[in-house]
Amino acid sequence: MFLTRRPTPAEIAAFLRASTDLRLSYEPVGLAKDRPHGFDVDEQTVVIGAGAAAFERAKAALADWRHFELGWVELFPKAAPVVPGTIVAVLVHHLGFWSLNGCRIVYEVGESGGVEFGFAYGTLTNHGESGEEIFSVSIHPETGDVTYMIRAVAKPQAVLARLGYPLVRSLQARFRVDSARAMARAVGGVRA
């Protein structure tokens, strides 16, 4: 949904309620694990800290959606649980207008007590894009490096997203960089 003004809290709540029964705008679930034809595939992995304590902070930051604390991107509801089935709305402010995009968490990444933690969300039919995105943090068993990874598989869905495709790609790249910086700040580690 594209808007000329910031939506009110009531409008965002209504958008979330309307998103509850929407289907994903792509198939199959797990798309971000592959290189599907017709989708752009982008991945970024950056070191955001070192050691077991940093890994615990990274897991907590990811579960608290700190990777969306960017100023120009917001996530609703603010304390959404990172479990499959959770519906979220991503609010983006770009070029003087706003877009509100629905997503559903579709699977978890890693195992309890393991060296990787994360989740993937998929776009709903009310999202400007169609695809899936994985967000994860991991700790390297030998070096202790803590990394943050984003892997996105997407293609434009809305007419405005198709018409503004170069801008969409630029915003996606900006999101990856800004999100990595937000995670590095949250963990208190090295600058991403």
C-alpha atoms as a PDB file:
ATOM      1  CA  MET A   1       0.000   0.000   0.000  1.00  0.00           C
ATOM      2  CA  PHE A   2       1.489   3.348  -1.079  1.00  0.00           C
ATOM      3  CA  LEU A   3       0.509   6.516   0.820  1.00  0.00           C
ATOM      4  CA  THR A   4       1.211  10.246   0.505  1.00  0.00           C
ATOM      5  CA  ARG A   5       1.349  10.603   4.314  1.00  0.00           C
ATOM      6  CA  ARG A   6       2.413   8.531   7.284  1.00  0.00           C
ATOM      7  CA  PRO A   7      -0.407   6.143   8.290  1.00  0.00           C
ATOM      8  CA  THR A   8      -1.933   6.635  11.723  1.00  0.00           C
ATOM      9  CA  PRO A   9      -1.581   3.951  14.424  1.00  0.00           C
ATOM     10  CA  ALA A  10      -5.245   3.022  13.802  1.00  0.00           C
ATOM     11  CA  GLU A  11      -4.579   2.612  10.062  1.00  0.00           C
ATOM     12  CA  ILE A  12      -1.540   0.428  10.757  1.00  0.00           C
ATOM     13  CA  ALA A  13      -3.587  -1.713  13.174  1.00  0.00           C
ATOM     14  CA  ALA A  14      -6.329  -2.084  10.523  1.00  0.00           C
ATOM     15  CA  PHE A  15      -3.691  -3.043   7.923  1.00  0.00           C
ATOM     16  CA  LEU A  16      -2.335  -5.743  10.268  1.00  0.00           C
ATOM     17  CA  ARG A  17      -5.840  -7.107  10.919  1.00  0.00           C
ATOM     18  CA  ALA A  18      -6.573  -7.182   7.170  1.00  0.00           C
ATOM     19  CA  SER A  19      -3.263  -8.993   6.565  1.00  0.00           C
ATOM     20  CA  THR A  20      -4.051 -11.885   8.906  1.00  0.00           C
ATOM     21  CA  ASP A  21      -5.852 -14.050   6.348  1.00  0.00           C
ATOM     22  CA  LEU A  22      -3.871 -13.041   3.248  1.00  0.00           C
ATOM     23  CA  ARG A  23      -1.854 -15.635   1.405  1.00  0.00           C
ATOM     24  CA  LEU A  24       1.822 -15.386   0.552  1.00  0.00           C
ATOM     25  CA  SER A  25       2.531 -13.665  -2.769  1.00  0.00           C
ATOM     26  CA  TYR A  26       4.955 -16.401  -3.873  1.00  0.00           C
ATOM     27  CA  GLU A  27       5.598 -20.104  -3.562  1.00  0.00           C
ATOM     28  CA  PRO A  28       7.076 -22.349  -2.379  1.00  0.00           C
ATOM     29  CA  VAL A  29       8.011 -21.457   1.196  1.00  0.00           C
ATOM     30  CA  GLY A  30      11.788 -21.787   1.420  1.00  0.00           C
ATOM     31  CA  LEU A  31      12.334 -19.761  -1.748  1.00  0.00           C
ATOM     32  CA  ALA A  32      15.151 -17.755  -0.105  1.00  0.00           C
ATOM     33  CA  LYS A  33      17.246 -20.903   0.284  1.00  0.00           C
ATOM     34  CA  ASP A  34      17.492 -21.245  -3.519  1.00  0.00           C
ATOM     35  CA  ARG A  35      18.226 -19.171  -6.631  1.00  0.00           C
ATOM     36  CA  PRO A  36      14.803 -19.201  -8.311  1.00  0.00           C
ATOM     37  CA  HIS A  37      14.415 -18.008 -11.890  1.00  0.00           C
ATOM     38  CA  GLY A  38      12.823 -14.563 -12.238  1.00  0.00           C
ATOM     39  CA  PHE A  39      13.804 -13.353  -8.747  1.00  0.00           C
ATOM     40  CA  ASP A  40      16.672 -11.127  -7.662  1.00  0.00           C
ATOM     41  CA  VAL A  41      18.879 -12.800  -5.070  1.00  0.00           C
ATOM     42  CA  ASP A  42      20.824 -10.561  -2.683  1.00  0.00           C
ATOM     43  CA  GLU A  43      22.899 -11.660   0.274  1.00  0.00           C
ATOM     44  CA  GLN A  44      25.058  -9.778   2.725  1.00  0.00           C
ATOM     45  CA  THR A  45      27.022 -11.189   5.645  1.00  0.00           C
ATOM     46  CA  VAL A  46      28.959  -8.922   8.008  1.00  0.00           C
ATOM     47  CA  VAL A  47      30.881  -9.427  11.245  1.00  0.00           C
ATOM     48  CA  ILE A  48      29.087  -7.571  14.050  1.00  0.00           C
ATOM     49  CA  GLY A  49      30.993  -8.807  17.112  1.00  0.00           C
ATOM     50  CA  ALA A  50      33.032 -11.579  18.663  1.00  0.00           C
ATOM     51  CA  GLY A  51      32.523 -14.147  21.393  1.00  0.00           C
ATOM     52  CA  ALA A  52      29.682 -15.958  23.099  1.00  0.00           C
ATOM     53  CA  ALA A  53      28.363 -12.854  24.904  1.00  0.00           C
ATOM     54  CA  ALA A  54      28.171 -10.946  21.612  1.00  0.00           C
ATOM     55  CA  PHE A  55      26.327 -13.892  20.035  1.00  0.00           C
ATOM     56  CA  GLU A  56      23.756 -13.835  22.845  1.00  0.00           C
ATOM     57  CA  ARG A  57      23.307 -10.059  22.364  1.00  0.00           C
ATOM     58  CA  ALA A  58      22.953 -10.604  18.599  1.00  0.00           C
ATOM     59  CA  LYS A  59      20.242 -13.240  19.112  1.00  0.00           C
ATOM     60  CA  ALA A  60      18.367 -10.945  21.487  1.00  0.00           C
ATOM     61  CA  ALA A  61      18.705  -7.997  19.072  1.00  0.00           C
ATOM     62  CA  LEU A  62      17.374 -10.056  16.170  1.00  0.00           C
ATOM     63  CA  ALA A  63      14.444 -11.330  18.249  1.00  0.00           C
ATOM     64  CA  ASP A  64      13.695  -7.710  19.228  1.00  0.00           C
ATOM     65  CA  TRP A  65      13.734  -6.572  15.553  1.00  0.00           C
ATOM     66  CA  ARG A  66      16.624  -4.174  16.238  1.00  0.00           C
ATOM     67  CA  HIS A  67      17.721  -4.716  12.627  1.00  0.00           C
ATOM     68  CA  PHE A  68      14.680  -2.614  11.626  1.00  0.00           C
ATOM     69  CA  GLU A  69      15.626   0.396  13.788  1.00  0.00           C
ATOM     70  CA  LEU A  70      16.704   2.489  10.824  1.00  0.00           C
ATOM     71  CA  GLY A  71      14.711   5.717  11.005  1.00  0.00           C
ATOM     72  CA  TRP A  72      13.318   5.336   7.499  1.00  0.00           C
ATOM     73  CA  VAL A  73      11.991   1.777   8.042  1.00  0.00           C
ATOM     74  CA  GLU A  74       9.767   0.676  10.932  1.00  0.00           C
ATOM     75  CA  LEU A  75       8.201  -2.613  11.909  1.00  0.00           C
ATOM     76  CA  PHE A  76       4.756  -3.162  13.461  1.00  0.00           C
ATOM     77  CA  PRO A  77       3.831  -4.487  15.921  1.00  0.00           C
ATOM     78  CA  LYS A  78       6.999  -3.367  17.703  1.00  0.00           C
ATOM     79  CA  ALA A  79       7.315  -6.522  19.838  1.00  0.00           C
ATOM     80  CA  ALA A  80       6.218  -9.100  17.271  1.00  0.00           C
ATOM     81  CA  PRO A  81       7.358 -12.616  18.228  1.00  0.00           C
ATOM     82  CA  VAL A  82       9.759 -14.186  15.739  1.00  0.00           C
ATOM     83  CA  VAL A  83       7.809 -17.416  15.349  1.00  0.00           C
ATOM     84  CA  PRO A  84       6.187 -18.897  12.245  1.00  0.00           C
ATOM     85  CA  GLY A  85       2.746 -17.454  11.570  1.00  0.00           C
ATOM     86  CA  THR A  86       3.438 -13.995  13.020  1.00  0.00           C
ATOM     87  CA  ILE A  87       2.152 -11.170  10.787  1.00  0.00           C
ATOM     88  CA  VAL A  88       4.137  -7.930  10.607  1.00  0.00           C
ATOM     89  CA  ALA A  89       3.833  -4.680   8.687  1.00  0.00           C
ATOM     90  CA  VAL A  90       6.937  -2.949   7.342  1.00  0.00           C
ATOM     91  CA  LEU A  91       6.522   0.813   6.998  1.00  0.00           C
ATOM     92  CA  VAL A  92       9.013   2.495   4.657  1.00  0.00           C
ATOM     93  CA  HIS A  93       9.440   6.237   4.085  1.00  0.00           C
ATOM     94  CA  HIS A  94      11.024   6.965   0.709  1.00  0.00           C
ATOM     95  CA  LEU A  95      11.050   9.877  -1.734  1.00  0.00           C
ATOM     96  CA  GLY A  96       8.397  11.779   0.181  1.00  0.00           C
ATOM     97  CA  PHE A  97       5.840   8.966   0.321  1.00  0.00           C
ATOM     98  CA  TRP A  98       5.185   5.933   2.495  1.00  0.00           C
ATOM     99  CA  SER A  99       4.610   2.274   1.782  1.00  0.00           C
ATOM    100  CA  LEU A 100       3.078  -0.274   4.120  1.00  0.00           C
ATOM    101  CA  ASN A 101       3.900  -3.905   3.362  1.00  0.00           C
ATOM    102  CA  GLY A 102       2.582  -7.115   4.927  1.00  0.00           C
ATOM    103  CA  CYS A 103       4.774 -10.117   5.763  1.00  0.00           C
ATOM    104  CA  ARG A 104       4.398 -13.424   7.604  1.00  0.00           C
ATOM    105  CA  ILE A 105       7.188 -15.281   9.391  1.00  0.00           C
ATOM    106  CA  VAL A 106       7.388 -18.582   7.556  1.00  0.00           C
ATOM    107  CA  TYR A 107      10.189 -20.532   9.275  1.00  0.00           C
ATOM    108  CA  GLU A 108      12.945 -20.413  11.869  1.00  0.00           C
ATOM    109  CA  VAL A 109      16.660 -20.759  11.121  1.00  0.00           C
ATOM    110  CA  GLY A 110      19.057 -22.714  13.324  1.00  0.00           C
ATOM    111  CA  GLU A 111      18.484 -24.982  16.281  1.00  0.00           C
ATOM    112  CA  SER A 112      18.044 -24.200  19.959  1.00  0.00           C
ATOM    113  CA  GLY A 113      21.490 -23.894  21.514  1.00  0.00           C
ATOM    114  CA  GLY A 114      23.167 -24.014  18.101  1.00  0.00           C
ATOM    115  CA  VAL A 115      25.608 -21.724  16.333  1.00  0.00           C
ATOM    116  CA  GLU A 116      22.900 -20.001  14.222  1.00  0.00           C
ATOM    117  CA  PHE A 117      19.668 -18.218  15.099  1.00  0.00           C
ATOM    118  CA  GLY A 118      17.173 -16.493  12.851  1.00  0.00           C
ATOM    119  CA  PHE A 119      13.997 -16.567  10.845  1.00  0.00           C
ATOM    120  CA  ALA A 120      12.553 -15.893   7.418  1.00  0.00           C
ATOM    121  CA  TYR A 121       9.524 -13.891   6.469  1.00  0.00           C
ATOM    122  CA  GLY A 122       7.554 -14.022   3.271  1.00  0.00           C
ATOM    123  CA  THR A 123       5.655 -11.273   1.509  1.00  0.00           C
ATOM    124  CA  LEU A 124       1.880 -11.216   1.554  1.00  0.00           C
ATOM    125  CA  THR A 125      -0.293 -10.143  -1.364  1.00  0.00           C
ATOM    126  CA  ASN A 126      -0.445  -6.579   0.052  1.00  0.00           C
ATOM    127  CA  HIS A 127       3.338  -6.127  -0.207  1.00  0.00           C
ATOM    128  CA  GLY A 128       5.015  -4.131  -2.997  1.00  0.00           C
ATOM    129  CA  GLU A 129       7.450  -6.994  -3.586  1.00  0.00           C
ATOM    130  CA  SER A 130       7.047 -10.741  -3.901  1.00  0.00           C
ATOM    131  CA  GLY A 131       9.545 -12.995  -2.158  1.00  0.00           C
ATOM    132  CA  GLU A 132      11.192 -14.148   1.018  1.00  0.00           C
ATOM    133  CA  GLU A 133      13.931 -12.798   3.281  1.00  0.00           C
ATOM    134  CA  ILE A 134      16.124 -14.593   5.814  1.00  0.00           C
ATOM    135  CA  PHE A 135      17.636 -12.766   8.788  1.00  0.00           C
ATOM    136  CA  SER A 136      20.141 -14.693  10.899  1.00  0.00           C
ATOM    137  CA  VAL A 137      23.054 -14.360  13.268  1.00  0.00           C
ATOM    138  CA  SER A 138      25.725 -16.970  13.794  1.00  0.00           C
ATOM    139  CA  ILE A 139      28.950 -17.560  15.672  1.00  0.00           C
ATOM    140  CA  HIS A 140      31.942 -19.157  13.991  1.00  0.00           C
ATOM    141  CA  PRO A 141      33.024 -22.095  16.199  1.00  0.00           C
ATOM    142  CA  GLU A 142      36.757 -21.571  15.592  1.00  0.00           C
ATOM    143  CA  THR A 143      37.192 -17.780  15.410  1.00  0.00           C
ATOM    144  CA  GLY A 144      34.294 -16.648  17.612  1.00  0.00           C
ATOM    145  CA  ASP A 145      33.247 -14.104  14.985  1.00  0.00           C
ATOM    146  CA  VAL A 146      29.568 -13.192  15.225  1.00  0.00           C
ATOM    147  CA  THR A 147      27.979 -12.479  11.856  1.00  0.00           C
ATOM    148  CA  TYR A 148      24.671 -11.052  10.697  1.00  0.00           C
ATOM    149  CA  MET A 149      23.273 -12.303   7.399  1.00  0.00           C
ATOM    150  CA  ILE A 150      20.427 -11.098   5.218  1.00  0.00           C
ATOM    151  CA  ARG A 151      19.406 -13.137   2.179  1.00  0.00           C
ATOM    152  CA  ALA A 152      16.573 -11.780   0.090  1.00  0.00           C
ATOM    153  CA  VAL A 153      14.888 -13.334  -2.918  1.00  0.00           C
ATOM    154  CA  ALA A 154      12.407 -10.914  -4.455  1.00  0.00           C
ATOM    155  CA  LYS A 155      10.802  -9.414  -7.513  1.00  0.00           C
ATOM    156  CA  PRO A 156       8.468  -6.429  -7.882  1.00  0.00           C
ATOM    157  CA  GLN A 157       4.776  -7.164  -7.396  1.00  0.00           C
ATOM    158  CA  ALA A 158       3.015  -3.772  -7.260  1.00  0.00           C
ATOM    159  CA  VAL A 159       2.810  -1.636 -10.398  1.00  0.00           C
ATOM    160  CA  LEU A 160       4.692   1.220  -8.705  1.00  0.00           C
ATOM    161  CA  ALA A 161       7.448  -1.186  -7.643  1.00  0.00           C
ATOM    162  CA  ARG A 162       7.792  -2.397 -11.240  1.00  0.00           C
ATOM    163  CA  LEU A 163       7.818   1.145 -12.637  1.00  0.00           C
ATOM    164  CA  GLY A 164      10.366   2.301 -10.054  1.00  0.00           C
ATOM    165  CA  TYR A 165      12.498  -0.838 -10.237  1.00  0.00           C
ATOM    166  CA  PRO A 166      15.917   0.931 -10.138  1.00  0.00           C
ATOM    167  CA  LEU A 167      14.808   2.851  -7.034  1.00  0.00           C
ATOM    168  CA  VAL A 168      13.486  -0.348  -5.437  1.00  0.00           C
ATOM    169  CA  ARG A 169      16.866  -2.035  -5.965  1.00  0.00           C
ATOM    170  CA  SER A 170      18.633   0.985  -4.466  1.00  0.00           C
ATOM    171  CA  LEU A 171      16.377   0.925  -1.386  1.00  0.00           C
ATOM    172  CA  GLN A 172      16.950  -2.809  -0.957  1.00  0.00           C
ATOM    173  CA  ALA A 173      20.734  -2.279  -0.990  1.00  0.00           C
ATOM    174  CA  ARG A 174      20.416   0.628   1.455  1.00  0.00           C
ATOM    175  CA  PHE A 175      18.302  -1.545   3.770  1.00  0.00           C
ATOM    176  CA  ARG A 176      20.955  -4.280   3.873  1.00  0.00           C
ATOM    177  CA  VAL A 177      23.720  -1.800   4.781  1.00  0.00           C
ATOM    178  CA  ASP A 178      21.655   0.133   7.343  1.00  0.00           C
ATOM    179  CA  SER A 179      20.303  -3.070   8.892  1.00  0.00           C
ATOM    180  CA  ALA A 180      23.829  -4.441   9.359  1.00  0.00           C
ATOM    181  CA  ARG A 181      24.874  -1.180  11.029  1.00  0.00           C
ATOM    182  CA  ALA A 182      21.852  -1.338  13.338  1.00  0.00           C
ATOM    183  CA  MET A 183      22.766  -4.871  14.380  1.00  0.00           C
ATOM    184  CA  ALA A 184      26.395  -3.908  14.990  1.00  0.00           C
ATOM    185  CA  ARG A 185      25.217  -1.045  17.226  1.00  0.00           C
ATOM    186  CA  ALA A 186      22.824  -3.346  19.073  1.00  0.00           C
ATOM    187  CA  VAL A 187      25.534  -5.906  19.727  1.00  0.00           C
ATOM    188  CA  GLY A 188      28.146  -3.279  20.581  1.00  0.00           C
ATOM    189  CA  GLY A 189      30.579  -4.935  18.237  1.00  0.00           C
ATOM    190  CA  VAL A 190      32.642  -3.824  15.298  1.00  0.00           C
ATOM    191  CA  ARG A 191      31.262  -1.340  12.802  1.00  0.00           C
ATOM    192  CA  ALA A 192      29.537  -3.118   9.907  1.00  0.00           C
END
